[in-house]
Amino acid sequence: MTTEARSHSRLRPLRRIAGAIALVLCGWLAIVIALTFGSAPGKSMAIIGPPSQALAIIVKANGRVLAASDYVTFARSDDAGFVARLYAAGALLVLDAEQAGGCSGLRPKRIAEL
């Protein structure tokens, strides 16, 4: 067996593992995106992309900006169909903010001290 054949036989399992990981990640992302469309009105959404574009998209979709950072902008609307309007306005990726990173846009609840 030549060294070239040995290196190819060693890379096969790594390629399969990398392919499986990529498939699982793509499937998870597809499920998260699909579930975002079913979110109830009034939930916070995370719009992924440059903040200048995200702010314009939120305004077009009749939403309120809650917070913005380098590539994630949080917004909310009490109207049904907010996620669809965000995508129609040009959003690249919209996720449920509570599921994506725990930001609800609400004040944190106080835990009673014992």
PDB file of N, CA and C in Angstrom:
ATOM      1  N   MET A   1       0.847  -1.173   0.000  1.00  0.00           N
ATOM      2  CA  MET A   1       0.000   0.000   0.000  1.00  0.00           C
ATOM      3  C   MET A   1       0.895   1.240   0.000  1.00  0.00           C
ATOM      4  N   THR A   2       0.609   2.163  -0.857  1.00  0.00           N
ATOM      5  CA  THR A   2       1.421   3.372  -0.947  1.00  0.00           C
ATOM      6  C   THR A   2       0.994   4.379   0.110  1.00  0.00           C
ATOM      7  N   THR A   3       1.843   5.361   0.333  1.00  0.00           N
ATOM      8  CA  THR A   3       1.514   6.385   1.332  1.00  0.00           C
ATOM      9  C   THR A   3       0.311   7.213   0.899  1.00  0.00           C
ATOM     10  N   GLU A   4       0.129   7.387  -0.407  1.00  0.00           N
ATOM     11  CA  GLU A   4      -1.027   8.133  -0.900  1.00  0.00           C
ATOM     12  C   GLU A   4      -2.324   7.391  -0.598  1.00  0.00           C
ATOM     13  N   ALA A   5      -2.311   6.099  -0.781  1.00  0.00           N
ATOM     14  CA  ALA A   5      -3.507   5.299  -0.479  1.00  0.00           C
ATOM     15  C   ALA A   5      -3.801   5.314   1.013  1.00  0.00           C
ATOM     16  N   ARG A   6      -2.745   5.287   1.830  1.00  0.00           N
ATOM     17  CA  ARG A   6      -2.949   5.337   3.282  1.00  0.00           C
ATOM     18  C   ARG A   6      -3.568   6.658   3.719  1.00  0.00           C
ATOM     19  N   SER A   7      -3.097   7.762   3.150  1.00  0.00           N
ATOM     20  CA  SER A   7      -3.641   9.062   3.541  1.00  0.00           C
ATOM     21  C   SER A   7      -5.100   9.202   3.112  1.00  0.00           C
ATOM     22  N   HIS A   8      -5.457   8.649   1.947  1.00  0.00           N
ATOM     23  CA  HIS A   8      -6.859   8.692   1.511  1.00  0.00           C
ATOM     24  C   HIS A   8      -7.744   7.842   2.421  1.00  0.00           C
ATOM     25  N   SER A   9      -7.232   6.689   2.852  1.00  0.00           N
ATOM     26  CA  SER A   9      -8.038   5.834   3.727  1.00  0.00           C
ATOM     27  C   SER A   9      -8.217   6.469   5.107  1.00  0.00           C
ATOM     28  N   ARG A  10      -7.263   7.275   5.541  1.00  0.00           N
ATOM     29  CA  ARG A  10      -7.395   7.962   6.826  1.00  0.00           C
ATOM     30  C   ARG A  10      -8.376   9.133   6.748  1.00  0.00           C
ATOM     31  N   LEU A  11      -8.467   9.779   5.582  1.00  0.00           N
ATOM     32  CA  LEU A  11      -9.335  10.946   5.428  1.00  0.00           C
ATOM     33  C   LEU A  11     -10.802  10.571   5.250  1.00  0.00           C
ATOM     34  N   ARG A  12     -11.093   9.372   4.796  1.00  0.00           N
ATOM     35  CA  ARG A  12     -12.494   8.981   4.564  1.00  0.00           C
ATOM     36  C   ARG A  12     -13.360   9.108   5.807  1.00  0.00           C
ATOM     37  N   PRO A  13     -12.936   8.559   6.955  1.00  0.00           N
ATOM     38  CA  PRO A  13     -13.787   8.716   8.149  1.00  0.00           C
ATOM     39  C   PRO A  13     -13.955  10.183   8.557  1.00  0.00           C
ATOM     40  N   LEU A  14     -12.911  10.984   8.402  1.00  0.00           N
ATOM     41  CA  LEU A  14     -13.016  12.402   8.758  1.00  0.00           C
ATOM     42  C   LEU A  14     -13.988  13.129   7.840  1.00  0.00           C
ATOM     43  N   ARG A  15     -13.963  12.798   6.563  1.00  0.00           N
ATOM     44  CA  ARG A  15     -14.909  13.412   5.624  1.00  0.00           C
ATOM     45  C   ARG A  15     -16.344  13.023   5.952  1.00  0.00           C
ATOM     46  N   ARG A  16     -16.542  11.774   6.318  1.00  0.00           N
ATOM     47  CA  ARG A  16     -17.896  11.321   6.680  1.00  0.00           C
ATOM     48  C   ARG A  16     -18.387  12.034   7.942  1.00  0.00           C
ATOM     49  N   ILE A  17     -17.513  12.164   8.921  1.00  0.00           N
ATOM     50  CA  ILE A  17     -17.886  12.854  10.158  1.00  0.00           C
ATOM     51  C   ILE A  17     -18.192  14.320   9.878  1.00  0.00           C
ATOM     52  N   ALA A  18     -17.353  14.978   9.091  1.00  0.00           N
ATOM     53  CA  ALA A  18     -17.594  16.388   8.752  1.00  0.00           C
ATOM     54  C   ALA A  18     -18.889  16.541   7.973  1.00  0.00           C
ATOM     55  N   GLY A  19     -19.163  15.627   7.073  1.00  0.00           N
ATOM     56  CA  GLY A  19     -20.416  15.667   6.315  1.00  0.00           C
ATOM     57  C   GLY A  19     -21.626  15.472   7.212  1.00  0.00           C
ATOM     58  N   ALA A  20     -21.520  14.551   8.158  1.00  0.00           N
ATOM     59  CA  ALA A  20     -22.629  14.308   9.088  1.00  0.00           C
ATOM     60  C   ALA A  20     -22.876  15.517   9.977  1.00  0.00           C
ATOM     61  N   ILE A  21     -21.808  16.144  10.457  1.00  0.00           N
ATOM     62  CA  ILE A  21     -21.952  17.334  11.293  1.00  0.00           C
ATOM     63  C   ILE A  21     -22.598  18.467  10.500  1.00  0.00           C
ATOM     64  N   ALA A  22     -22.157  18.663   9.260  1.00  0.00           N
ATOM     65  CA  ALA A  22     -22.740  19.711   8.420  1.00  0.00           C
ATOM     66  C   ALA A  22     -24.222  19.439   8.165  1.00  0.00           C
ATOM     67  N   LEU A  23     -24.574  18.185   7.930  1.00  0.00           N
ATOM     68  CA  LEU A  23     -25.974  17.827   7.691  1.00  0.00           C
ATOM     69  C   LEU A  23     -26.839  18.090   8.919  1.00  0.00           C
ATOM     70  N   VAL A  24     -26.332  17.732  10.094  1.00  0.00           N
ATOM     71  CA  VAL A  24     -27.081  17.971  11.336  1.00  0.00           C
ATOM     72  C   VAL A  24     -27.257  19.473  11.575  1.00  0.00           C
ATOM     73  N   LEU A  25     -26.206  20.260  11.381  1.00  0.00           N
ATOM     74  CA  LEU A  25     -26.302  21.709  11.582  1.00  0.00           C
ATOM     75  C   LEU A  25     -27.283  22.353  10.608  1.00  0.00           C
ATOM     76  N   CYS A  26     -27.247  21.943   9.348  1.00  0.00           N
ATOM     77  CA  CYS A  26     -28.186  22.495   8.362  1.00  0.00           C
ATOM     78  C   CYS A  26     -29.623  22.112   8.698  1.00  0.00           C
ATOM     79  N   GLY A  27     -29.825  20.881   9.136  1.00  0.00           N
ATOM     80  CA  GLY A  27     -31.163  20.443   9.526  1.00  0.00           C
ATOM     81  C   GLY A  27     -31.677  21.211  10.729  1.00  0.00           C
ATOM     82  N   TRP A  28     -30.805  21.422  11.725  1.00  0.00           N
ATOM     83  CA  TRP A  28     -31.195  22.177  12.918  1.00  0.00           C
ATOM     84  C   TRP A  28     -31.559  23.607  12.544  1.00  0.00           C
ATOM     85  N   LEU A  29     -30.750  24.228  11.695  1.00  0.00           N
ATOM     86  CA  LEU A  29     -31.020  25.604  11.288  1.00  0.00           C
ATOM     87  C   LEU A  29     -32.341  25.697  10.524  1.00  0.00           C
ATOM     88  N   ALA A  30     -32.621  24.735   9.659  1.00  0.00           N
ATOM     89  CA  ALA A  30     -33.887  24.735   8.910  1.00  0.00           C
ATOM     90  C   ALA A  30     -35.084  24.627   9.860  1.00  0.00           C
ATOM     91  N   ILE A  31     -34.965  23.787  10.883  1.00  0.00           N
ATOM     92  CA  ILE A  31     -36.059  23.638  11.851  1.00  0.00           C
ATOM     93  C   ILE A  31     -36.258  24.927  12.641  1.00  0.00           C
ATOM     94  N   VAL A  32     -35.181  25.545  13.085  1.00  0.00           N
ATOM     95  CA  VAL A  32     -35.274  26.790  13.858  1.00  0.00           C
ATOM     96  C   VAL A  32     -35.914  27.889  13.020  1.00  0.00           C
ATOM     97  N   ILE A  33     -35.522  27.995  11.758  1.00  0.00           N
ATOM     98  CA  ILE A  33     -36.105  29.014  10.872  1.00  0.00           C
ATOM     99  C   ILE A  33     -37.588  28.741  10.655  1.00  0.00           C
ATOM    100  N   ALA A  34     -37.950  27.486  10.429  1.00  0.00           N
ATOM    101  CA  ALA A  34     -39.354  27.144  10.208  1.00  0.00           C
ATOM    102  C   ALA A  34     -40.201  27.447  11.446  1.00  0.00           C
ATOM    103  N   LEU A  35     -39.670  27.149  12.624  1.00  0.00           N
ATOM    104  CA  LEU A  35     -40.413  27.421  13.857  1.00  0.00           C
ATOM    105  C   LEU A  35     -40.576  28.912  14.109  1.00  0.00           C
ATOM    106  N   THR A  36     -39.660  29.716  13.594  1.00  0.00           N
ATOM    107  CA  THR A  36     -39.751  31.168  13.776  1.00  0.00           C
ATOM    108  C   THR A  36     -41.008  31.721  13.117  1.00  0.00           C
ATOM    109  N   PHE A  37     -41.401  31.154  11.974  1.00  0.00           N
ATOM    110  CA  PHE A  37     -42.606  31.626  11.292  1.00  0.00           C
ATOM    111  C   PHE A  37     -43.859  31.387  12.126  1.00  0.00           C
ATOM    112  N   GLY A  38     -43.825  30.407  13.019  1.00  0.00           N
ATOM    113  CA  GLY A  38     -44.978  30.114  13.856  1.00  0.00           C
ATOM    114  C   GLY A  38     -44.975  30.849  15.185  1.00  0.00           C
ATOM    115  N   SER A  39     -44.054  31.775  15.373  1.00  0.00           N
ATOM    116  CA  SER A  39     -43.967  32.507  16.641  1.00  0.00           C
ATOM    117  C   SER A  39     -45.193  33.386  16.854  1.00  0.00           C
ATOM    118  N   ALA A  40     -45.590  33.505  18.095  1.00  0.00           N
ATOM    119  CA  ALA A  40     -46.740  34.328  18.447  1.00  0.00           C
ATOM    120  C   ALA A  40     -46.405  35.809  18.298  1.00  0.00           C
ATOM    121  N   PRO A  41     -47.403  36.629  17.979  1.00  0.00           N
ATOM    122  CA  PRO A  41     -47.164  38.080  17.921  1.00  0.00           C
ATOM    123  C   PRO A  41     -46.680  38.590  19.273  1.00  0.00           C
ATOM    124  N   GLY A  42     -45.796  39.579  19.239  1.00  0.00           N
ATOM    125  CA  GLY A  42     -45.284  40.170  20.469  1.00  0.00           C
ATOM    126  C   GLY A  42     -43.992  39.548  20.956  1.00  0.00           C
ATOM    127  N   LYS A  43     -43.498  38.510  20.266  1.00  0.00           N
ATOM    128  CA  LYS A  43     -42.227  37.902  20.668  1.00  0.00           C
ATOM    129  C   LYS A  43     -41.071  38.678  20.058  1.00  0.00           C
ATOM    130  N   SER A  44     -39.948  38.652  20.737  1.00  0.00           N
ATOM    131  CA  SER A  44     -38.749  39.316  20.236  1.00  0.00           C
ATOM    132  C   SER A  44     -38.092  38.460  19.165  1.00  0.00           C
ATOM    133  N   MET A  45     -37.615  39.119  18.126  1.00  0.00           N
ATOM    134  CA  MET A  45     -36.940  38.441  17.023  1.00  0.00           C
ATOM    135  C   MET A  45     -35.523  38.975  16.900  1.00  0.00           C
ATOM    136  N   ALA A  46     -34.596  38.109  16.533  1.00  0.00           N
ATOM    137  CA  ALA A  46     -33.205  38.493  16.285  1.00  0.00           C
ATOM    138  C   ALA A  46     -33.003  38.525  14.779  1.00  0.00           C
ATOM    139  N   ILE A  47     -32.661  39.677  14.251  1.00  0.00           N
ATOM    140  CA  ILE A  47     -32.407  39.844  12.822  1.00  0.00           C
ATOM    141  C   ILE A  47     -30.886  39.836  12.657  1.00  0.00           C
ATOM    142  N   ILE A  48     -30.398  38.855  11.899  1.00  0.00           N
ATOM    143  CA  ILE A  48     -28.964  38.686  11.711  1.00  0.00           C
ATOM    144  C   ILE A  48     -28.540  39.436  10.457  1.00  0.00           C
ATOM    145  N   GLY A  49     -27.540  40.295  10.595  1.00  0.00           N
ATOM    146  CA  GLY A  49     -27.031  41.061   9.468  1.00  0.00           C
ATOM    147  C   GLY A  49     -26.514  42.409   9.930  1.00  0.00           C
ATOM    148  N   PRO A  50     -25.991  43.194   9.006  1.00  0.00           N
ATOM    149  CA  PRO A  50     -25.480  44.525   9.368  1.00  0.00           C
ATOM    150  C   PRO A  50     -26.583  45.383   9.984  1.00  0.00           C
ATOM    151  N   PRO A  51     -26.264  46.120  11.053  1.00  0.00           N
ATOM    152  CA  PRO A  51     -27.294  46.885  11.759  1.00  0.00           C
ATOM    153  C   PRO A  51     -27.979  47.943  10.912  1.00  0.00           C
ATOM    154  N   SER A  52     -27.275  48.587  10.008  1.00  0.00           N
ATOM    155  CA  SER A  52     -27.918  49.621   9.188  1.00  0.00           C
ATOM    156  C   SER A  52     -29.012  49.013   8.315  1.00  0.00           C
ATOM    157  N   GLN A  53     -28.750  47.853   7.742  1.00  0.00           N
ATOM    158  CA  GLN A  53     -29.767  47.184   6.931  1.00  0.00           C
ATOM    159  C   GLN A  53     -30.893  46.657   7.809  1.00  0.00           C
ATOM    160  N   ALA A  54     -30.538  46.092   8.967  1.00  0.00           N
ATOM    161  CA  ALA A  54     -31.553  45.536   9.861  1.00  0.00           C
ATOM    162  C   ALA A  54     -32.513  46.608  10.352  1.00  0.00           C
ATOM    163  N   LEU A  55     -31.996  47.785  10.668  1.00  0.00           N
ATOM    164  CA  LEU A  55     -32.873  48.867  11.129  1.00  0.00           C
ATOM    165  C   LEU A  55     -33.861  49.276  10.047  1.00  0.00           C
ATOM    166  N   ALA A  56     -33.395  49.381   8.809  1.00  0.00           N
ATOM    167  CA  ALA A  56     -34.287  49.731   7.695  1.00  0.00           C
ATOM    168  C   ALA A  56     -35.327  48.632   7.473  1.00  0.00           C
ATOM    169  N   ILE A  57     -34.922  47.388   7.605  1.00  0.00           N
ATOM    170  CA  ILE A  57     -35.843  46.256   7.430  1.00  0.00           C
ATOM    171  C   ILE A  57     -36.920  46.270   8.511  1.00  0.00           C
ATOM    172  N   ILE A  58     -36.523  46.531   9.751  1.00  0.00           N
ATOM    173  CA  ILE A  58     -37.480  46.563  10.859  1.00  0.00           C
ATOM    174  C   ILE A  58     -38.494  47.683  10.662  1.00  0.00           C
ATOM    175  N   VAL A  59     -38.035  48.839  10.204  1.00  0.00           N
ATOM    176  CA  VAL A  59     -38.948  49.959   9.948  1.00  0.00           C
ATOM    177  C   VAL A  59     -39.949  49.583   8.851  1.00  0.00           C
ATOM    178  N   LYS A  60     -39.461  48.960   7.772  1.00  0.00           N
ATOM    179  CA  LYS A  60     -40.357  48.542   6.681  1.00  0.00           C
ATOM    180  C   LYS A  60     -41.377  47.512   7.143  1.00  0.00           C
ATOM    181  N   ALA A  61     -40.987  46.675   8.120  1.00  0.00           N
ATOM    182  CA  ALA A  61     -41.876  45.621   8.605  1.00  0.00           C
ATOM    183  C   ALA A  61     -42.764  46.075   9.762  1.00  0.00           C
ATOM    184  N   ASN A  62     -42.748  47.351  10.072  1.00  0.00           N
ATOM    185  CA  ASN A  62     -43.564  47.934  11.159  1.00  0.00           C
ATOM    186  C   ASN A  62     -43.242  47.324  12.518  1.00  0.00           C
ATOM    187  N   GLY A  63     -41.952  47.234  12.832  1.00  0.00           N
ATOM    188  CA  GLY A  63     -41.531  46.701  14.118  1.00  0.00           C
ATOM    189  C   GLY A  63     -40.848  47.751  14.961  1.00  0.00           C
ATOM    190  N   ARG A  64     -40.556  47.383  16.203  1.00  0.00           N
ATOM    191  CA  ARG A  64     -39.839  48.258  17.130  1.00  0.00           C
ATOM    192  C   ARG A  64     -38.467  47.660  17.410  1.00  0.00           C
ATOM    193  N   VAL A  65     -37.450  48.483  17.382  1.00  0.00           N
ATOM    194  CA  VAL A  65     -36.091  48.041  17.686  1.00  0.00           C
ATOM    195  C   VAL A  65     -35.932  47.977  19.197  1.00  0.00           C
ATOM    196  N   LEU A  66     -35.432  46.857  19.696  1.00  0.00           N
ATOM    197  CA  LEU A  66     -35.195  46.691  21.125  1.00  0.00           C
ATOM    198  C   LEU A  66     -33.732  46.914  21.476  1.00  0.00           C
ATOM    199  N   ALA A  67     -32.844  46.351  20.675  1.00  0.00           N
ATOM    200  CA  ALA A  67     -31.402  46.478  20.911  1.00  0.00           C
ATOM    201  C   ALA A  67     -30.674  46.136  19.622  1.00  0.00           C
ATOM    202  N   ALA A  68     -29.455  46.647  19.499  1.00  0.00           N
ATOM    203  CA  ALA A  68     -28.654  46.359  18.310  1.00  0.00           C
ATOM    204  C   ALA A  68     -27.198  46.176  18.714  1.00  0.00           C
ATOM    205  N   SER A  69     -26.534  45.256  18.034  1.00  0.00           N
ATOM    206  CA  SER A  69     -25.095  45.060  18.218  1.00  0.00           C
ATOM    207  C   SER A  69     -24.467  44.979  16.835  1.00  0.00           C
ATOM    208  N   ASP A  70     -23.263  44.449  16.734  1.00  0.00           N
ATOM    209  CA  ASP A  70     -22.549  44.450  15.464  1.00  0.00           C
ATOM    210  C   ASP A  70     -23.291  43.723  14.343  1.00  0.00           C
ATOM    211  N   TYR A  71     -23.816  42.548  14.597  1.00  0.00           N
ATOM    212  CA  TYR A  71     -24.502  41.804  13.535  1.00  0.00           C
ATOM    213  C   TYR A  71     -25.831  41.200  13.957  1.00  0.00           C
ATOM    214  N   VAL A  72     -26.339  41.567  15.122  1.00  0.00           N
ATOM    215  CA  VAL A  72     -27.639  41.081  15.574  1.00  0.00           C
ATOM    216  C   VAL A  72     -28.445  42.272  16.071  1.00  0.00           C
ATOM    217  N   THR A  73     -29.660  42.391  15.552  1.00  0.00           N
ATOM    218  CA  THR A  73     -30.572  43.449  15.984  1.00  0.00           C
ATOM    219  C   THR A  73     -31.840  42.788  16.493  1.00  0.00           C
ATOM    220  N   PHE A  74     -32.289  43.181  17.661  1.00  0.00           N
ATOM    221  CA  PHE A  74     -33.483  42.609  18.266  1.00  0.00           C
ATOM    222  C   PHE A  74     -34.657  43.545  18.039  1.00  0.00           C
ATOM    223  N   ALA A  75     -35.785  42.958  17.641  1.00  0.00           N
ATOM    224  CA  ALA A  75     -36.975  43.752  17.347  1.00  0.00           C
ATOM    225  C   ALA A  75     -38.221  42.991  17.777  1.00  0.00           C
ATOM    226  N   ARG A  76     -39.320  43.738  17.839  1.00  0.00           N
ATOM    227  CA  ARG A  76     -40.599  43.150  18.234  1.00  0.00           C
ATOM    228  C   ARG A  76     -41.714  43.880  17.528  1.00  0.00           C
ATOM    229  N   SER A  77     -42.789  43.141  17.271  1.00  0.00           N
ATOM    230  CA  SER A  77     -44.015  43.723  16.742  1.00  0.00           C
ATOM    231  C   SER A  77     -45.182  42.934  17.320  1.00  0.00           C
ATOM    232  N   ASP A  78     -46.262  43.630  17.631  1.00  0.00           N
ATOM    233  CA  ASP A  78     -47.447  42.971  18.155  1.00  0.00           C
ATOM    234  C   ASP A  78     -48.365  42.481  17.042  1.00  0.00           C
ATOM    235  N   ASP A  79     -48.012  42.768  15.798  1.00  0.00           N
ATOM    236  CA  ASP A  79     -48.830  42.349  14.658  1.00  0.00           C
ATOM    237  C   ASP A  79     -48.440  40.950  14.203  1.00  0.00           C
ATOM    238  N   ALA A  80     -49.433  40.186  13.762  1.00  0.00           N
ATOM    239  CA  ALA A  80     -49.170  38.860  13.212  1.00  0.00           C
ATOM    240  C   ALA A  80     -48.428  38.995  11.889  1.00  0.00           C
ATOM    241  N   GLY A  81     -47.615  38.008  11.553  1.00  0.00           N
ATOM    242  CA  GLY A  81     -46.897  38.009  10.288  1.00  0.00           C
ATOM    243  C   GLY A  81     -45.637  38.849  10.287  1.00  0.00           C
ATOM    244  N   PHE A  82     -45.113  39.190  11.442  1.00  0.00           N
ATOM    245  CA  PHE A  82     -43.927  40.038  11.529  1.00  0.00           C
ATOM    246  C   PHE A  82     -42.714  39.378  10.866  1.00  0.00           C
ATOM    247  N   VAL A  83     -42.528  38.091  11.100  1.00  0.00           N
ATOM    248  CA  VAL A  83     -41.380  37.388  10.531  1.00  0.00           C
ATOM    249  C   VAL A  83     -41.453  37.393   9.010  1.00  0.00           C
ATOM    250  N   ALA A  84     -42.613  37.118   8.468  1.00  0.00           N
ATOM    251  CA  ALA A  84     -42.776  37.127   7.007  1.00  0.00           C
ATOM    252  C   ALA A  84     -42.508  38.516   6.438  1.00  0.00           C
ATOM    253  N   ARG A  85     -42.958  39.555   7.146  1.00  0.00           N
ATOM    254  CA  ARG A  85     -42.703  40.921   6.675  1.00  0.00           C
ATOM    255  C   ARG A  85     -41.215  41.263   6.740  1.00  0.00           C
ATOM    256  N   LEU A  86     -40.507  40.746   7.754  1.00  0.00           N
ATOM    257  CA  LEU A  86     -39.065  40.979   7.842  1.00  0.00           C
ATOM    258  C   LEU A  86     -38.340  40.359   6.647  1.00  0.00           C
ATOM    259  N   TYR A  87     -38.696  39.126   6.328  1.00  0.00           N
ATOM    260  CA  TYR A  87     -38.075  38.490   5.162  1.00  0.00           C
ATOM    261  C   TYR A  87     -38.458  39.210   3.869  1.00  0.00           C
ATOM    262  N   ALA A  88     -39.712  39.635   3.758  1.00  0.00           N
ATOM    263  CA  ALA A  88     -40.149  40.359   2.553  1.00  0.00           C
ATOM    264  C   ALA A  88     -39.413  41.692   2.413  1.00  0.00           C
ATOM    265  N   ALA A  89     -39.026  42.287   3.534  1.00  0.00           N
ATOM    266  CA  ALA A  89     -38.299  43.558   3.512  1.00  0.00           C
ATOM    267  C   ALA A  89     -36.811  43.372   3.231  1.00  0.00           C
ATOM    268  N   GLY A  90     -36.333  42.106   3.227  1.00  0.00           N
ATOM    269  CA  GLY A  90     -34.942  41.857   2.870  1.00  0.00           C
ATOM    270  C   GLY A  90     -34.058  41.264   3.948  1.00  0.00           C
ATOM    271  N   ALA A  91     -34.637  40.767   5.026  1.00  0.00           N
ATOM    272  CA  ALA A  91     -33.829  40.167   6.095  1.00  0.00           C
ATOM    273  C   ALA A  91     -33.137  38.900   5.595  1.00  0.00           C
ATOM    274  N   LEU A  92     -31.880  38.734   6.003  1.00  0.00           N
ATOM    275  CA  LEU A  92     -31.128  37.538   5.619  1.00  0.00           C
ATOM    276  C   LEU A  92     -31.504  36.341   6.485  1.00  0.00           C
ATOM    277  N   LEU A  93     -31.619  36.559   7.795  1.00  0.00           N
ATOM    278  CA  LEU A  93     -31.948  35.490   8.728  1.00  0.00           C
ATOM    279  C   LEU A  93     -32.662  36.087   9.928  1.00  0.00           C
ATOM    280  N   VAL A  94     -33.793  35.489  10.291  1.00  0.00           N
ATOM    281  CA  VAL A  94     -34.580  35.936  11.442  1.00  0.00           C
ATOM    282  C   VAL A  94     -34.767  34.745  12.367  1.00  0.00           C
ATOM    283  N   LEU A  95     -34.433  34.918  13.632  1.00  0.00           N
ATOM    284  CA  LEU A  95     -34.568  33.861  14.625  1.00  0.00           C
ATOM    285  C   LEU A  95     -35.366  34.364  15.811  1.00  0.00           C
ATOM    286  N   ASP A  96     -36.027  33.452  16.503  1.00  0.00           N
ATOM    287  CA  ASP A  96     -36.709  33.787  17.742  1.00  0.00           C
ATOM    288  C   ASP A  96     -35.623  34.153  18.751  1.00  0.00           C
ATOM    289  N   ALA A  97     -35.644  35.364  19.254  1.00  0.00           N
ATOM    290  CA  ALA A  97     -34.568  35.867  20.113  1.00  0.00           C
ATOM    291  C   ALA A  97     -34.463  35.087  21.414  1.00  0.00           C
ATOM    292  N   GLU A  98     -35.571  34.643  21.950  1.00  0.00           N
ATOM    293  CA  GLU A  98     -35.534  33.905  23.201  1.00  0.00           C
ATOM    294  C   GLU A  98     -34.869  32.552  23.012  1.00  0.00           C
ATOM    295  N   GLN A  99     -35.114  31.908  21.880  1.00  0.00           N
ATOM    296  CA  GLN A  99     -34.489  30.617  21.610  1.00  0.00           C
ATOM    297  C   GLN A  99     -33.051  30.783  21.146  1.00  0.00           C
ATOM    298  N   ALA A 100     -32.787  31.841  20.387  1.00  0.00           N
ATOM    299  CA  ALA A 100     -31.452  32.027  19.812  1.00  0.00           C
ATOM    300  C   ALA A 100     -30.422  32.429  20.860  1.00  0.00           C
ATOM    301  N   GLY A 101     -30.793  33.301  21.774  1.00  0.00           N
ATOM    302  CA  GLY A 101     -29.782  33.756  22.715  1.00  0.00           C
ATOM    303  C   GLY A 101     -30.319  34.185  24.055  1.00  0.00           C
ATOM    304  N   GLY A 102     -31.597  34.019  24.277  1.00  0.00           N
ATOM    305  CA  GLY A 102     -32.159  34.331  25.566  1.00  0.00           C
ATOM    306  C   GLY A 102     -32.606  35.762  25.757  1.00  0.00           C
ATOM    307  N   CYS A 103     -32.636  36.563  24.710  1.00  0.00           N
ATOM    308  CA  CYS A 103     -33.050  37.956  24.846  1.00  0.00           C
ATOM    309  C   CYS A 103     -34.533  38.066  24.555  1.00  0.00           C
ATOM    310  N   SER A 104     -35.300  38.493  25.523  1.00  0.00           N
ATOM    311  CA  SER A 104     -36.730  38.648  25.310  1.00  0.00           C
ATOM    312  C   SER A 104     -37.116  40.105  25.156  1.00  0.00           C
ATOM    313  N   GLY A 105     -36.233  41.006  25.511  1.00  0.00           N
ATOM    314  CA  GLY A 105     -36.564  42.420  25.466  1.00  0.00           C
ATOM    315  C   GLY A 105     -37.359  42.870  26.671  1.00  0.00           C
ATOM    316  N   LEU A 106     -37.623  41.958  27.582  1.00  0.00           N
ATOM    317  CA  LEU A 106     -38.370  42.269  28.796  1.00  0.00           C
ATOM    318  C   LEU A 106     -37.400  42.462  29.952  1.00  0.00           C
ATOM    319  N   ARG A 107     -37.863  43.141  30.978  1.00  0.00           N
ATOM    320  CA  ARG A 107     -37.038  43.314  32.168  1.00  0.00           C
ATOM    321  C   ARG A 107     -36.781  41.947  32.794  1.00  0.00           C
ATOM    322  N   PRO A 108     -35.579  41.725  33.327  1.00  0.00           N
ATOM    323  CA  PRO A 108     -35.307  40.437  33.984  1.00  0.00           C
ATOM    324  C   PRO A 108     -36.162  40.263  35.228  1.00  0.00           C
ATOM    325  N   LYS A 109     -36.608  39.052  35.454  1.00  0.00           N
ATOM    326  CA  LYS A 109     -37.412  38.757  36.642  1.00  0.00           C
ATOM    327  C   LYS A 109     -36.498  38.674  37.850  1.00  0.00           C
ATOM    328  N   ARG A 110     -36.988  39.207  38.952  1.00  0.00           N
ATOM    329  CA  ARG A 110     -36.218  39.153  40.201  1.00  0.00           C
ATOM    330  C   ARG A 110     -36.479  37.823  40.878  1.00  0.00           C
ATOM    331  N   ILE A 111     -35.427  37.213  41.351  1.00  0.00           N
ATOM    332  CA  ILE A 111     -35.568  35.972  42.086  1.00  0.00           C
ATOM    333  C   ILE A 111     -35.636  36.309  43.563  1.00  0.00           C
ATOM    334  N   ALA A 112     -36.661  35.808  44.205  1.00  0.00           N
ATOM    335  CA  ALA A 112     -36.854  36.095  45.637  1.00  0.00           C
ATOM    336  C   ALA A 112     -35.702  35.489  46.437  1.00  0.00           C
ATOM    337  N   GLU A 113     -35.155  36.282  47.325  1.00  0.00           N
ATOM    338  CA  GLU A 113     -34.063  35.807  48.167  1.00  0.00           C
ATOM    339  C   GLU A 113     -34.637  35.035  49.328  1.00  0.00           C
ATOM    340  N   LEU A 114     -33.974  33.938  49.667  1.00  0.00           N
ATOM    341  CA  LEU A 114     -34.435  33.102  50.782  1.00  0.00           C
ATOM    342  C   LEU A 114     -33.746  33.498  52.053  1.00  0.00           C
TER     343      LEU A 114
END
